[in-house]
Amino acid sequence: MTAKRKIPRYFVLGLAAILSLFLFRVASQGYDLYCVHKETVKTQAKVDSLKKENAQLEQEKENLGDIHYIEKVARNEHNMVGKNEIPLFMIDGKDKAKASGK
């Protein structure tokens, strides 16, 4: 008969503890990596958004040299009128009721 060798209990417990610590560390690093990846995706989306905004601002900067663009912005955004023009404002039904006091 062959003698079966018995593994000491403290060795098994020590090995289990080391394995548990190793698995905990791997899981912790995996989660940290996931968080960094998520932050990278979020930051890249923000960078793309800022690049689009920058391109729009560059286009507007170029348009500021065009007199027709400046006139359009002045009329649409600031309600300005040209020389010898009479301003005409259209009031829809909801605003008309407010203006007449109903």
PDB file of N, CA and C in Angstrom:
ATOM      1  N   MET A   1       0.826  -1.184   0.000  1.00  0.00           N
ATOM      2  CA  MET A   1       0.000   0.000   0.000  1.00  0.00           C
ATOM      3  C   MET A   1       0.864   1.239   0.000  1.00  0.00           C
ATOM      4  N   THR A   2       0.385   2.171  -0.757  1.00  0.00           N
ATOM      5  CA  THR A   2       1.124   3.423  -0.790  1.00  0.00           C
ATOM      6  C   THR A   2       0.567   4.336   0.278  1.00  0.00           C
ATOM      7  N   ALA A   3       1.452   4.980   0.923  1.00  0.00           N
ATOM      8  CA  ALA A   3       1.029   5.894   1.989  1.00  0.00           C
ATOM      9  C   ALA A   3       0.574   7.203   1.365  1.00  0.00           C
ATOM     10  N   LYS A   4      -0.581   7.657   1.776  1.00  0.00           N
ATOM     11  CA  LYS A   4      -1.124   8.920   1.273  1.00  0.00           C
ATOM     12  C   LYS A   4      -0.525  10.050   2.093  1.00  0.00           C
ATOM     13  N   ARG A   5       0.002  11.011   1.403  1.00  0.00           N
ATOM     14  CA  ARG A   5       0.653  12.122   2.086  1.00  0.00           C
ATOM     15  C   ARG A   5      -0.392  13.163   2.436  1.00  0.00           C
ATOM     16  N   LYS A   6      -0.424  13.583   3.660  1.00  0.00           N
ATOM     17  CA  LYS A   6      -1.405  14.560   4.128  1.00  0.00           C
ATOM     18  C   LYS A   6      -0.799  15.959   4.032  1.00  0.00           C
ATOM     19  N   ILE A   7      -1.562  16.872   3.398  1.00  0.00           N
ATOM     20  CA  ILE A   7      -1.115  18.259   3.270  1.00  0.00           C
ATOM     21  C   ILE A   7      -1.546  18.993   4.532  1.00  0.00           C
ATOM     22  N   PRO A   8      -0.611  19.724   5.132  1.00  0.00           N
ATOM     23  CA  PRO A   8      -0.963  20.434   6.372  1.00  0.00           C
ATOM     24  C   PRO A   8      -2.080  21.456   6.137  1.00  0.00           C
ATOM     25  N   ARG A   9      -2.924  21.568   7.108  1.00  0.00           N
ATOM     26  CA  ARG A   9      -4.088  22.460   7.033  1.00  0.00           C
ATOM     27  C   ARG A   9      -3.659  23.927   6.899  1.00  0.00           C
ATOM     28  N   TYR A  10      -2.652  24.366   7.626  1.00  0.00           N
ATOM     29  CA  TYR A  10      -2.205  25.765   7.559  1.00  0.00           C
ATOM     30  C   TYR A  10      -1.688  26.116   6.164  1.00  0.00           C
ATOM     31  N   PHE A  11      -1.103  25.134   5.460  1.00  0.00           N
ATOM     32  CA  PHE A  11      -0.628  25.368   4.098  1.00  0.00           C
ATOM     33  C   PHE A  11      -1.808  25.626   3.156  1.00  0.00           C
ATOM     34  N   VAL A  12      -2.857  24.848   3.298  1.00  0.00           N
ATOM     35  CA  VAL A  12      -4.049  25.017   2.464  1.00  0.00           C
ATOM     36  C   VAL A  12      -4.706  26.359   2.766  1.00  0.00           C
ATOM     37  N   LEU A  13      -4.816  26.718   4.041  1.00  0.00           N
ATOM     38  CA  LEU A  13      -5.403  28.010   4.420  1.00  0.00           C
ATOM     39  C   LEU A  13      -4.554  29.172   3.910  1.00  0.00           C
ATOM     40  N   GLY A  14      -3.263  29.055   4.015  1.00  0.00           N
ATOM     41  CA  GLY A  14      -2.367  30.102   3.518  1.00  0.00           C
ATOM     42  C   GLY A  14      -2.474  30.257   2.009  1.00  0.00           C
ATOM     43  N   LEU A  15      -2.542  29.134   1.316  1.00  0.00           N
ATOM     44  CA  LEU A  15      -2.686  29.157  -0.134  1.00  0.00           C
ATOM     45  C   LEU A  15      -4.023  29.776  -0.539  1.00  0.00           C
ATOM     46  N   ALA A  16      -5.083  29.450   0.186  1.00  0.00           N
ATOM     47  CA  ALA A  16      -6.404  30.027  -0.093  1.00  0.00           C
ATOM     48  C   ALA A  16      -6.396  31.533   0.163  1.00  0.00           C
ATOM     49  N   ALA A  17      -5.724  31.967   1.227  1.00  0.00           N
ATOM     50  CA  ALA A  17      -5.651  33.397   1.537  1.00  0.00           C
ATOM     51  C   ALA A  17      -4.885  34.144   0.443  1.00  0.00           C
ATOM     52  N   ILE A  18      -3.780  33.581   0.015  1.00  0.00           N
ATOM     53  CA  ILE A  18      -2.984  34.223  -1.037  1.00  0.00           C
ATOM     54  C   ILE A  18      -3.777  34.285  -2.337  1.00  0.00           C
ATOM     55  N   LEU A  19      -4.460  33.209  -2.674  1.00  0.00           N
ATOM     56  CA  LEU A  19      -5.279  33.174  -3.881  1.00  0.00           C
ATOM     57  C   LEU A  19      -6.418  34.195  -3.799  1.00  0.00           C
ATOM     58  N   SER A  20      -7.040  34.306  -2.623  1.00  0.00           N
ATOM     59  CA  SER A  20      -8.118  35.292  -2.434  1.00  0.00           C
ATOM     60  C   SER A  20      -7.598  36.715  -2.614  1.00  0.00           C
ATOM     61  N   LEU A  21      -6.444  37.009  -2.020  1.00  0.00           N
ATOM     62  CA  LEU A  21      -5.858  38.344  -2.169  1.00  0.00           C
ATOM     63  C   LEU A  21      -5.509  38.626  -3.629  1.00  0.00           C
ATOM     64  N   PHE A  22      -4.990  37.636  -4.324  1.00  0.00           N
ATOM     65  CA  PHE A  22      -4.651  37.793  -5.735  1.00  0.00           C
ATOM     66  C   PHE A  22      -5.902  38.085  -6.562  1.00  0.00           C
ATOM     67  N   LEU A  23      -6.964  37.316  -6.350  1.00  0.00           N
ATOM     68  CA  LEU A  23      -8.205  37.527  -7.091  1.00  0.00           C
ATOM     69  C   LEU A  23      -8.824  38.884  -6.774  1.00  0.00           C
ATOM     70  N   PHE A  24      -8.759  39.302  -5.508  1.00  0.00           N
ATOM     71  CA  PHE A  24      -9.275  40.617  -5.131  1.00  0.00           C
ATOM     72  C   PHE A  24      -8.503  41.715  -5.848  1.00  0.00           C
ATOM     73  N   ARG A  25      -7.196  41.573  -5.901  1.00  0.00           N
ATOM     74  CA  ARG A  25      -6.350  42.579  -6.551  1.00  0.00           C
ATOM     75  C   ARG A  25      -6.631  42.645  -8.057  1.00  0.00           C
ATOM     76  N   VAL A  26      -6.807  41.497  -8.691  1.00  0.00           N
ATOM     77  CA  VAL A  26      -7.103  41.456 -10.122  1.00  0.00           C
ATOM     78  C   VAL A  26      -8.459  42.099 -10.394  1.00  0.00           C
ATOM     79  N   ALA A  27      -9.454  41.787  -9.556  1.00  0.00           N
ATOM     80  CA  ALA A  27     -10.786  42.376  -9.730  1.00  0.00           C
ATOM     81  C   ALA A  27     -10.736  43.889  -9.525  1.00  0.00           C
ATOM     82  N   SER A  28      -9.983  44.336  -8.542  1.00  0.00           N
ATOM     83  CA  SER A  28      -9.856  45.766  -8.265  1.00  0.00           C
ATOM     84  C   SER A  28      -9.208  46.492  -9.447  1.00  0.00           C
ATOM     85  N   GLN A  29      -8.165  45.924  -9.992  1.00  0.00           N
ATOM     86  CA  GLN A  29      -7.500  46.541 -11.137  1.00  0.00           C
ATOM     87  C   GLN A  29      -8.388  46.514 -12.376  1.00  0.00           C
ATOM     88  N   GLY A  30      -9.169  45.460 -12.533  1.00  0.00           N
ATOM     89  CA  GLY A  30     -10.106  45.390 -13.653  1.00  0.00           C
ATOM     90  C   GLY A  30     -11.149  46.485 -13.566  1.00  0.00           C
ATOM     91  N   TYR A  31     -11.655  46.729 -12.364  1.00  0.00           N
ATOM     92  CA  TYR A  31     -12.641  47.792 -12.174  1.00  0.00           C
ATOM     93  C   TYR A  31     -12.014  49.161 -12.430  1.00  0.00           C
ATOM     94  N   ASP A  32     -10.793  49.363 -11.947  1.00  0.00           N
ATOM     95  CA  ASP A  32     -10.102  50.631 -12.201  1.00  0.00           C
ATOM     96  C   ASP A  32      -9.903  50.851 -13.704  1.00  0.00           C
ATOM     97  N   LEU A  33      -9.547  49.799 -14.409  1.00  0.00           N
ATOM     98  CA  LEU A  33      -9.368  49.887 -15.854  1.00  0.00           C
ATOM     99  C   LEU A  33     -10.683  50.225 -16.546  1.00  0.00           C
ATOM    100  N   TYR A  34     -11.773  49.636 -16.081  1.00  0.00           N
ATOM    101  CA  TYR A  34     -13.101  49.933 -16.625  1.00  0.00           C
ATOM    102  C   TYR A  34     -13.455  51.407 -16.408  1.00  0.00           C
ATOM    103  N   CYS A  35     -13.188  51.927 -15.207  1.00  0.00           N
ATOM    104  CA  CYS A  35     -13.485  53.337 -14.912  1.00  0.00           C
ATOM    105  C   CYS A  35     -12.653  54.271 -15.791  1.00  0.00           C
ATOM    106  N   VAL A  36     -11.395  53.946 -15.989  1.00  0.00           N
ATOM    107  CA  VAL A  36     -10.529  54.774 -16.836  1.00  0.00           C
ATOM    108  C   VAL A  36     -11.030  54.750 -18.277  1.00  0.00           C
ATOM    109  N   HIS A  37     -11.443  53.579 -18.750  1.00  0.00           N
ATOM    110  CA  HIS A  37     -11.967  53.477 -20.118  1.00  0.00           C
ATOM    111  C   HIS A  37     -13.240  54.303 -20.271  1.00  0.00           C
ATOM    112  N   LYS A  38     -14.118  54.227 -19.289  1.00  0.00           N
ATOM    113  CA  LYS A  38     -15.363  54.994 -19.328  1.00  0.00           C
ATOM    114  C   LYS A  38     -15.070  56.497 -19.352  1.00  0.00           C
ATOM    115  N   GLU A  39     -14.131  56.929 -18.551  1.00  0.00           N
ATOM    116  CA  GLU A  39     -13.745  58.342 -18.509  1.00  0.00           C
ATOM    117  C   GLU A  39     -13.110  58.771 -19.836  1.00  0.00           C
ATOM    118  N   THR A  40     -12.332  57.885 -20.446  1.00  0.00           N
ATOM    119  CA  THR A  40     -11.710  58.182 -21.735  1.00  0.00           C
ATOM    120  C   THR A  40     -12.764  58.382 -22.816  1.00  0.00           C
ATOM    121  N   VAL A  41     -13.774  57.515 -22.836  1.00  0.00           N
ATOM    122  CA  VAL A  41     -14.847  57.639 -23.825  1.00  0.00           C
ATOM    123  C   VAL A  41     -15.592  58.953 -23.621  1.00  0.00           C
ATOM    124  N   LYS A  42     -15.874  59.279 -22.369  1.00  0.00           N
ATOM    125  CA  LYS A  42     -16.581  60.524 -22.048  1.00  0.00           C
ATOM    126  C   LYS A  42     -15.756  61.739 -22.471  1.00  0.00           C
ATOM    127  N   THR A  43     -14.468  61.707 -22.184  1.00  0.00           N
ATOM    128  CA  THR A  43     -13.587  62.817 -22.545  1.00  0.00           C
ATOM    129  C   THR A  43     -13.463  62.945 -24.062  1.00  0.00           C
ATOM    130  N   GLN A  44     -13.395  61.824 -24.764  1.00  0.00           N
ATOM    131  CA  GLN A  44     -13.297  61.864 -26.227  1.00  0.00           C
ATOM    132  C   GLN A  44     -14.556  62.466 -26.834  1.00  0.00           C
ATOM    133  N   ALA A  45     -15.711  62.139 -26.263  1.00  0.00           N
ATOM    134  CA  ALA A  45     -16.964  62.726 -26.751  1.00  0.00           C
ATOM    135  C   ALA A  45     -16.958  64.235 -26.542  1.00  0.00           C
ATOM    136  N   LYS A  46     -16.436  64.673 -25.394  1.00  0.00           N
ATOM    137  CA  LYS A  46     -16.365  66.108 -25.121  1.00  0.00           C
ATOM    138  C   LYS A  46     -15.391  66.792 -26.086  1.00  0.00           C
ATOM    139  N   VAL A  47     -14.274  66.145 -26.370  1.00  0.00           N
ATOM    140  CA  VAL A  47     -13.295  66.700 -27.317  1.00  0.00           C
ATOM    141  C   VAL A  47     -13.926  66.841 -28.698  1.00  0.00           C
ATOM    142  N   ASP A  48     -14.667  65.815 -29.133  1.00  0.00           N
ATOM    143  CA  ASP A  48     -15.331  65.885 -30.441  1.00  0.00           C
ATOM    144  C   ASP A  48     -16.340  67.025 -30.484  1.00  0.00           C
ATOM    145  N   SER A  49     -17.087  67.179 -29.396  1.00  0.00           N
ATOM    146  CA  SER A  49     -18.065  68.267 -29.318  1.00  0.00           C
ATOM    147  C   SER A  49     -17.376  69.630 -29.389  1.00  0.00           C
ATOM    148  N   LEU A  50     -16.275  69.764 -28.676  1.00  0.00           N
ATOM    149  CA  LEU A  50     -15.543  71.033 -28.693  1.00  0.00           C
ATOM    150  C   LEU A  50     -14.914  71.309 -30.058  1.00  0.00           C
ATOM    151  N   LYS A  51     -14.500  70.258 -30.765  1.00  0.00           N
ATOM    152  CA  LYS A  51     -13.960  70.450 -32.116  1.00  0.00           C
ATOM    153  C   LYS A  51     -15.042  70.954 -33.061  1.00  0.00           C
ATOM    154  N   LYS A  52     -16.262  70.402 -32.937  1.00  0.00           N
ATOM    155  CA  LYS A  52     -17.372  70.880 -33.767  1.00  0.00           C
ATOM    156  C   LYS A  52     -17.677  72.343 -33.460  1.00  0.00           C
ATOM    157  N   GLU A  53     -17.719  72.665 -32.164  1.00  0.00           N
ATOM    158  CA  GLU A  53     -17.999  74.050 -31.766  1.00  0.00           C
ATOM    159  C   GLU A  53     -16.903  74.981 -32.277  1.00  0.00           C
ATOM    160  N   ASN A  54     -15.666  74.535 -32.208  1.00  0.00           N
ATOM    161  CA  ASN A  54     -14.548  75.342 -32.691  1.00  0.00           C
ATOM    162  C   ASN A  54     -14.665  75.584 -34.193  1.00  0.00           C
ATOM    163  N   ALA A  55     -15.063  74.554 -34.941  1.00  0.00           N
ATOM    164  CA  ALA A  55     -15.234  74.710 -36.390  1.00  0.00           C
ATOM    165  C   ALA A  55     -16.350  75.707 -36.696  1.00  0.00           C
ATOM    166  N   GLN A  56     -17.444  75.646 -35.926  1.00  0.00           N
ATOM    167  CA  GLN A  56     -18.541  76.598 -36.123  1.00  0.00           C
ATOM    168  C   GLN A  56     -18.086  78.021 -35.818  1.00  0.00           C
ATOM    169  N   LEU A  57     -17.313  78.178 -34.758  1.00  0.00           N
ATOM    170  CA  LEU A  57     -16.818  79.509 -34.408  1.00  0.00           C
ATOM    171  C   LEU A  57     -15.839  80.034 -35.462  1.00  0.00           C
ATOM    172  N   GLU A  58     -15.016  79.153 -36.012  1.00  0.00           N
ATOM    173  CA  GLU A  58     -14.106  79.568 -37.083  1.00  0.00           C
ATOM    174  C   GLU A  58     -14.898  80.032 -38.305  1.00  0.00           C
ATOM    175  N   GLN A  59     -15.969  79.297 -38.632  1.00  0.00           N
ATOM    176  CA  GLN A  59     -16.809  79.679 -39.771  1.00  0.00           C
ATOM    177  C   GLN A  59     -17.472  81.027 -39.513  1.00  0.00           C
ATOM    178  N   GLU A  60     -17.971  81.221 -38.296  1.00  0.00           N
ATOM    179  CA  GLU A  60     -18.601  82.506 -37.964  1.00  0.00           C
ATOM    180  C   GLU A  60     -17.576  83.636 -38.006  1.00  0.00           C
ATOM    181  N   LYS A  61     -16.362  83.348 -37.567  1.00  0.00           N
ATOM    182  CA  LYS A  61     -15.292  84.351 -37.606  1.00  0.00           C
ATOM    183  C   LYS A  61     -15.003  84.771 -39.049  1.00  0.00           C
ATOM    184  N   GLU A  62     -14.981  83.785 -39.953  1.00  0.00           N
ATOM    185  CA  GLU A  62     -14.765  84.098 -41.367  1.00  0.00           C
ATOM    186  C   GLU A  62     -15.935  84.899 -41.932  1.00  0.00           C
ATOM    187  N   ASN A  63     -17.156  84.578 -41.501  1.00  0.00           N
ATOM    188  CA  ASN A  63     -18.345  85.262 -42.007  1.00  0.00           C
ATOM    189  C   ASN A  63     -18.449  86.705 -41.514  1.00  0.00           C
ATOM    190  N   LEU A  64     -17.769  87.029 -40.428  1.00  0.00           N
ATOM    191  CA  LEU A  64     -17.861  88.389 -39.900  1.00  0.00           C
ATOM    192  C   LEU A  64     -17.243  89.420 -40.839  1.00  0.00           C
ATOM    193  N   GLY A  65     -16.483  88.982 -41.806  1.00  0.00           N
ATOM    194  CA  GLY A  65     -15.935  89.895 -42.801  1.00  0.00           C
ATOM    195  C   GLY A  65     -16.913  90.168 -43.937  1.00  0.00           C
ATOM    196  N   ASP A  66     -17.999  89.417 -44.003  1.00  0.00           N
ATOM    197  CA  ASP A  66     -18.990  89.552 -45.072  1.00  0.00           C
ATOM    198  C   ASP A  66     -20.109  90.481 -44.606  1.00  0.00           C
ATOM    199  N   ILE A  67     -20.330  91.582 -45.315  1.00  0.00           N
ATOM    200  CA  ILE A  67     -21.327  92.585 -44.926  1.00  0.00           C
ATOM    201  C   ILE A  67     -22.741  92.017 -44.962  1.00  0.00           C
ATOM    202  N   HIS A  68     -23.013  91.094 -45.888  1.00  0.00           N
ATOM    203  CA  HIS A  68     -24.352  90.503 -45.981  1.00  0.00           C
ATOM    204  C   HIS A  68     -24.652  89.620 -44.764  1.00  0.00           C
ATOM    205  N   TYR A  69     -23.638  88.916 -44.280  1.00  0.00           N
ATOM    206  CA  TYR A  69     -23.822  88.086 -43.087  1.00  0.00           C
ATOM    207  C   TYR A  69     -24.077  88.962 -41.862  1.00  0.00           C
ATOM    208  N   ILE A  70     -23.329  90.041 -41.747  1.00  0.00           N
ATOM    209  CA  ILE A  70     -23.512  90.947 -40.608  1.00  0.00           C
ATOM    210  C   ILE A  70     -24.908  91.545 -40.636  1.00  0.00           C
ATOM    211  N   GLU A  71     -25.378  91.922 -41.809  1.00  0.00           N
ATOM    212  CA  GLU A  71     -26.729  92.476 -41.935  1.00  0.00           C
ATOM    213  C   GLU A  71     -27.777  91.433 -41.547  1.00  0.00           C
ATOM    214  N   LYS A  72     -27.587  90.202 -41.976  1.00  0.00           N
ATOM    215  CA  LYS A  72     -28.527  89.123 -41.651  1.00  0.00           C
ATOM    216  C   LYS A  72     -28.587  88.892 -40.139  1.00  0.00           C
ATOM    217  N   VAL A  73     -27.432  88.854 -39.490  1.00  0.00           N
ATOM    218  CA  VAL A  73     -27.390  88.656 -38.036  1.00  0.00           C
ATOM    219  C   VAL A  73     -28.044  89.828 -37.324  1.00  0.00           C
ATOM    220  N   ALA A  74     -27.766  91.041 -37.781  1.00  0.00           N
ATOM    221  CA  ALA A  74     -28.355  92.228 -37.151  1.00  0.00           C
ATOM    222  C   ALA A  74     -29.877  92.201 -37.269  1.00  0.00           C
ATOM    223  N   ARG A  75     -30.393  91.818 -38.410  1.00  0.00           N
ATOM    224  CA  ARG A  75     -31.847  91.768 -38.608  1.00  0.00           C
ATOM    225  C   ARG A  75     -32.489  90.636 -37.807  1.00  0.00           C
ATOM    226  N   ASN A  76     -31.917  89.448 -37.870  1.00  0.00           N
ATOM    227  CA  ASN A  76     -32.539  88.278 -37.249  1.00  0.00           C
ATOM    228  C   ASN A  76     -32.388  88.236 -35.735  1.00  0.00           C
ATOM    229  N   GLU A  77     -31.216  88.536 -35.241  1.00  0.00           N
ATOM    230  CA  GLU A  77     -30.962  88.374 -33.814  1.00  0.00           C
ATOM    231  C   GLU A  77     -31.191  89.644 -33.002  1.00  0.00           C
ATOM    232  N   HIS A  78     -31.040  90.799 -33.631  1.00  0.00           N
ATOM    233  CA  HIS A  78     -31.125  92.048 -32.873  1.00  0.00           C
ATOM    234  C   HIS A  78     -32.276  92.941 -33.320  1.00  0.00           C
ATOM    235  N   ASN A  79     -33.133  92.425 -34.213  1.00  0.00           N
ATOM    236  CA  ASN A  79     -34.318  93.149 -34.690  1.00  0.00           C
ATOM    237  C   ASN A  79     -33.989  94.548 -35.214  1.00  0.00           C
ATOM    238  N   MET A  80     -32.889  94.681 -35.886  1.00  0.00           N
ATOM    239  CA  MET A  80     -32.516  95.973 -36.459  1.00  0.00           C
ATOM    240  C   MET A  80     -33.136  96.116 -37.850  1.00  0.00           C
ATOM    241  N   VAL A  81     -33.378  97.347 -38.240  1.00  0.00           N
ATOM    242  CA  VAL A  81     -33.932  97.630 -39.567  1.00  0.00           C
ATOM    243  C   VAL A  81     -32.985  98.557 -40.301  1.00  0.00           C
ATOM    244  N   GLY A  82     -33.088  98.542 -41.618  1.00  0.00           N
ATOM    245  CA  GLY A  82     -32.242  99.396 -42.438  1.00  0.00           C
ATOM    246  C   GLY A  82     -32.798 100.814 -42.501  1.00  0.00           C
ATOM    247  N   LYS A  83     -32.042 101.670 -43.160  1.00  0.00           N
ATOM    248  CA  LYS A  83     -32.447 103.058 -43.334  1.00  0.00           C
ATOM    249  C   LYS A  83     -33.702 103.109 -44.195  1.00  0.00           C
ATOM    250  N   ASN A  84     -34.642 103.960 -43.819  1.00  0.00           N
ATOM    251  CA  ASN A  84     -35.905 104.152 -44.535  1.00  0.00           C
ATOM    252  C   ASN A  84     -36.768 102.887 -44.572  1.00  0.00           C
ATOM    253  N   GLU A  85     -36.604 101.995 -43.601  1.00  0.00           N
ATOM    254  CA  GLU A  85     -37.456 100.813 -43.488  1.00  0.00           C
ATOM    255  C   GLU A  85     -38.363 100.970 -42.277  1.00  0.00           C
ATOM    256  N   ILE A  86     -39.559 100.448 -42.385  1.00  0.00           N
ATOM    257  CA  ILE A  86     -40.510 100.504 -41.277  1.00  0.00           C
ATOM    258  C   ILE A  86     -40.593  99.105 -40.675  1.00  0.00           C
ATOM    259  N   PRO A  87     -40.345  98.977 -39.353  1.00  0.00           N
ATOM    260  CA  PRO A  87     -40.413  97.650 -38.742  1.00  0.00           C
ATOM    261  C   PRO A  87     -41.861  97.156 -38.673  1.00  0.00           C
ATOM    262  N   LEU A  88     -42.067  95.896 -38.943  1.00  0.00           N
ATOM    263  CA  LEU A  88     -43.382  95.288 -38.909  1.00  0.00           C
ATOM    264  C   LEU A  88     -43.265  94.006 -38.097  1.00  0.00           C
ATOM    265  N   PHE A  89     -43.993  93.932 -36.993  1.00  0.00           N
ATOM    266  CA  PHE A  89     -43.956  92.761 -36.129  1.00  0.00           C
ATOM    267  C   PHE A  89     -45.277  92.027 -36.226  1.00  0.00           C
ATOM    268  N   MET A  90     -45.230  90.731 -36.474  1.00  0.00           N
ATOM    269  CA  MET A  90     -46.424  89.906 -36.576  1.00  0.00           C
ATOM    270  C   MET A  90     -46.721  89.314 -35.204  1.00  0.00           C
ATOM    271  N   ILE A  91     -47.977  89.426 -34.771  1.00  0.00           N
ATOM    272  CA  ILE A  91     -48.393  88.882 -33.479  1.00  0.00           C
ATOM    273  C   ILE A  91     -49.348  87.733 -33.756  1.00  0.00           C
ATOM    274  N   ASP A  92     -49.045  86.547 -33.203  1.00  0.00           N
ATOM    275  CA  ASP A  92     -49.951  85.424 -33.418  1.00  0.00           C
ATOM    276  C   ASP A  92     -51.116  85.493 -32.429  1.00  0.00           C
ATOM    277  N   GLY A  93     -52.052  84.571 -32.506  1.00  0.00           N
ATOM    278  CA  GLY A  93     -53.281  84.610 -31.717  1.00  0.00           C
ATOM    279  C   GLY A  93     -53.048  84.597 -30.215  1.00  0.00           C
ATOM    280  N   LYS A  94     -52.092  83.850 -29.733  1.00  0.00           N
ATOM    281  CA  LYS A  94     -51.829  83.764 -28.297  1.00  0.00           C
ATOM    282  C   LYS A  94     -51.320  85.098 -27.769  1.00  0.00           C
ATOM    283  N   ASP A  95     -50.384  85.696 -28.510  1.00  0.00           N
ATOM    284  CA  ASP A  95     -49.836  86.975 -28.078  1.00  0.00           C
ATOM    285  C   ASP A  95     -50.864  88.091 -28.215  1.00  0.00           C
ATOM    286  N   LYS A  96     -51.764  87.994 -29.180  1.00  0.00           N
ATOM    287  CA  LYS A  96     -52.794  89.007 -29.381  1.00  0.00           C
ATOM    288  C   LYS A  96     -53.743  89.033 -28.178  1.00  0.00           C
ATOM    289  N   ALA A  97     -54.073  87.856 -27.654  1.00  0.00           N
ATOM    290  CA  ALA A  97     -54.962  87.773 -26.489  1.00  0.00           C
ATOM    291  C   ALA A  97     -54.293  88.400 -25.272  1.00  0.00           C
ATOM    292  N   LYS A  98     -53.002  88.191 -25.121  1.00  0.00           N
ATOM    293  CA  LYS A  98     -52.276  88.789 -24.000  1.00  0.00           C
ATOM    294  C   LYS A  98     -52.212  90.306 -24.153  1.00  0.00           C
ATOM    295  N   ALA A  99     -51.997  90.783 -25.381  1.00  0.00           N
ATOM    296  CA  ALA A  99     -51.865  92.213 -25.634  1.00  0.00           C
ATOM    297  C   ALA A  99     -53.184  92.940 -25.410  1.00  0.00           C
ATOM    298  N   SER A 100     -54.311  92.300 -25.741  1.00  0.00           N
ATOM    299  CA  SER A 100     -55.605  92.968 -25.577  1.00  0.00           C
ATOM    300  C   SER A 100     -56.124  92.853 -24.148  1.00  0.00           C
ATOM    301  N   GLY A 101     -55.452  92.079 -23.307  1.00  0.00           N
ATOM    302  CA  GLY A 101     -55.819  92.006 -21.900  1.00  0.00           C
ATOM    303  C   GLY A 101     -56.824  90.914 -21.577  1.00  0.00           C
ATOM    304  N   LYS A 102     -57.033  89.968 -22.430  1.00  0.00           N
ATOM    305  CA  LYS A 102     -57.984  88.879 -22.173  1.00  0.00           C
ATOM    306  C   LYS A 102     -57.347  87.769 -21.422  1.00  0.00           C
TER     307      LYS A 102
END
